[in-house]
Amino acid sequence: MKKAGITLGAFCAIILFLVACPRSGKEDTAGGPLSAGWQVPVEVADTPNATQPDYYQLGWQSFVALNWPANMSYRGEPDTSKSIGAAGDDGQLQEVVWESWKEQYDIFLPDAANPGPWNPAYSGAHPALKVLRMFSKNDSSRVLDAFNEATGNPVIDQDSQFVRYEVRVDQSEYTYFVTNSYYNQDSQLTAVQQDRFVGFPKGNVQSPDLPSWAQYGATEVKAAWRIFKPGTPSSILDRYYHEKALLIDQYGVRSDTVEIGMVSMHILRLTPTTGSTWYWASFEQVDNLKLQPSYGGTLPPHPTFNTNPAQLYGDSGFSYKPAPVAYRKPLPSAVPVGISSPPFEQSNPGLDSINMEYHKKLSNTPFQYYQLIGTINPPVSGQPSYTDSSSGAPSVTVNTPLMSNSAMETYICQSNCITCHMFGFPFTPNQRYNTSSLQVFTFLPSMAKSSSQYKLKKIQFVKPRVIKN
C-alpha cells in the first residue's frame, strides 16, 4: 500500500483546455485546492499558434490529471472529491488514474483472443498490490522476454537494484483496439492492405463507449520504478510517489512485498493537432541524476543513478552497459550503472521556471519532487526544428533533436523519442507505410498476436544516430 501524503497546498491557477471537455463543476478560489486539475486537457493551449511553453504546460497538466486519485469503482475515472496526493480510506496514498488503466498484456492475448470490455473495473480481480511483470520499457510477445531497457540492456541503480517498468493504456486507446479488432495481427494486416486502417483516436470525439471525462484521445503511460532497500526512511520515501508491490522475475517467480518508487514517467498522447508527430512529455524524479536542494526536504545520500557529487560520463552519458537479461537465465552482475545528465537537460531556463511553478503548486505532495525534462511535439513558430529521416521510414519533423529519459533511454541519450517511434506501424510483415496518415507512433500494434498463419515479428529497434552538438 502507499504511504499517506498531505492534500495539495493552496494555489489559484485553473488548468486551461481549449477544446470542449467536461469540468468538475468546482472553481479554484484563492486558498483553495486544484479543483480543475483532474481533467486531462484534450489539446494544447493557443492552437494553432501554440508556443513551446504551451507544450510544456500541456505536459504538466496531463501529469497532474493522470496522477489524480482514481475512483476505484471504474478504471481510469478520477475521484473528483479528492485532490492530487490524497490518501485512501486506509491512510495510504490512493492509487492514481493511470495505474487503473489496462496493461499491454491485457490487450494482446494468446491466439488473438478478444480482450473484452474495459470494465467491470475490479470486481474481485483488482490486486491489493501492484504487480510489476516487466523489466524493460520495451516488451515483446511474452512479457518476460523483455527484461531490459529500450536498447535491450537493463538499468541498475546505485543501490544495485534493477529498475522495473510498466506500460498502461487509457480507455480511449483500449476501446480503439477492441472496436477495430486490432488486438489481432490479421485484422491490422487486412485493414492496411485494403487501405482502410483506422487511425488512433485524437480526442474530443463524443462516443457512447466512453465516459465524458475519458474522451481525451489515445494515451499511454510508461513508468519506471526503483526498488527501495528495507529500512529506507520515510523522509526519502516521501520524495517519491511510492507504494508496495510484488515483482515477477525472469523465471516467472513472484517476490515478497517490496517498496517501490516512481523514478520516471513518459506520457505519450495523440491530440487533434499532433497527428504528424504525436506528443511526448517525459518526467523524472528530481534526485535521479543529481541532488537538488532547491526542492527542499531531506536529501538522499546520493542520486539514484549517479554518485555524489554527480559525475559526467562524456557523450555516452553512462558508465557502462550491462549485458541484456535473458528469459529464464541468471541476471547479469548487479553492478550500478552511472548515468549523467545529457546536454539538453543542463540548461533550459524556460522549462526550469515552469517546473518550479508546478513544484510550488504541488507542495506537500510527493509530486512536487518530479520535473518535466522535455517534450516532443510539432515544430513551433520562430523556434528551431529537427527532421529525422532515418532509413526505412517517412521523415518526421519535431521541435528538438534531443530528448531522452535517464531510466528509459539510458544508452541512447543523444537521441529523441521520434528516432525509434517513427518505426511504429500496424502489423505488416515487410512493408512501411506513411506514419502520420496512419497516426501510429506507438509499438503496441506490433505486439498483437495472430489468430491464423501470421507470426509475430519481434520489434527491432533501429540504432539511433548519435547527434553531436
Foldseek 3Di string as FASTA:
>chain_A
DAAAFDAFWFDADAQDADFDFDAPPDHRDGRDARLRLQFQHLDFPPPPFDDQVSLLSSLVSNVLNQQAAADQQAQQHHDSVGHRRHCDPVNGGHHGRQVQFDFLCLLFDPLLDQSDARDPRPVPNDDPFAEFEALELDAAQDRLQQNPFPQQFWAFWPVLFTKTKTKGKANQQSCVCNVQSLLALVSLAVCVVVVNQAAWQAFPDDDPSDDRSRGSTIKMKMWIKTWDDPPDDVLVVQLFRKDWHWYQHLARDIDDITIIGTAKMKMWGHHPPFLQPTKIWIKGQQLQQAWDCVLPTDTDCHRTQAGPVGDADPLQQKDDTFHGDGRPDDDTRSDHIHGHDHPLQPDDVSQVVVLVVVLSSRPRHSVNRMGTSRMKGAAHPPADKDWDPDPPAHIGITRDQADDDCRRPVRQRQGDLCLFQSQADADDPDHYDHRSVNSGSDNSSLNRCHNDDDGRDTDDTDDGDRDDD
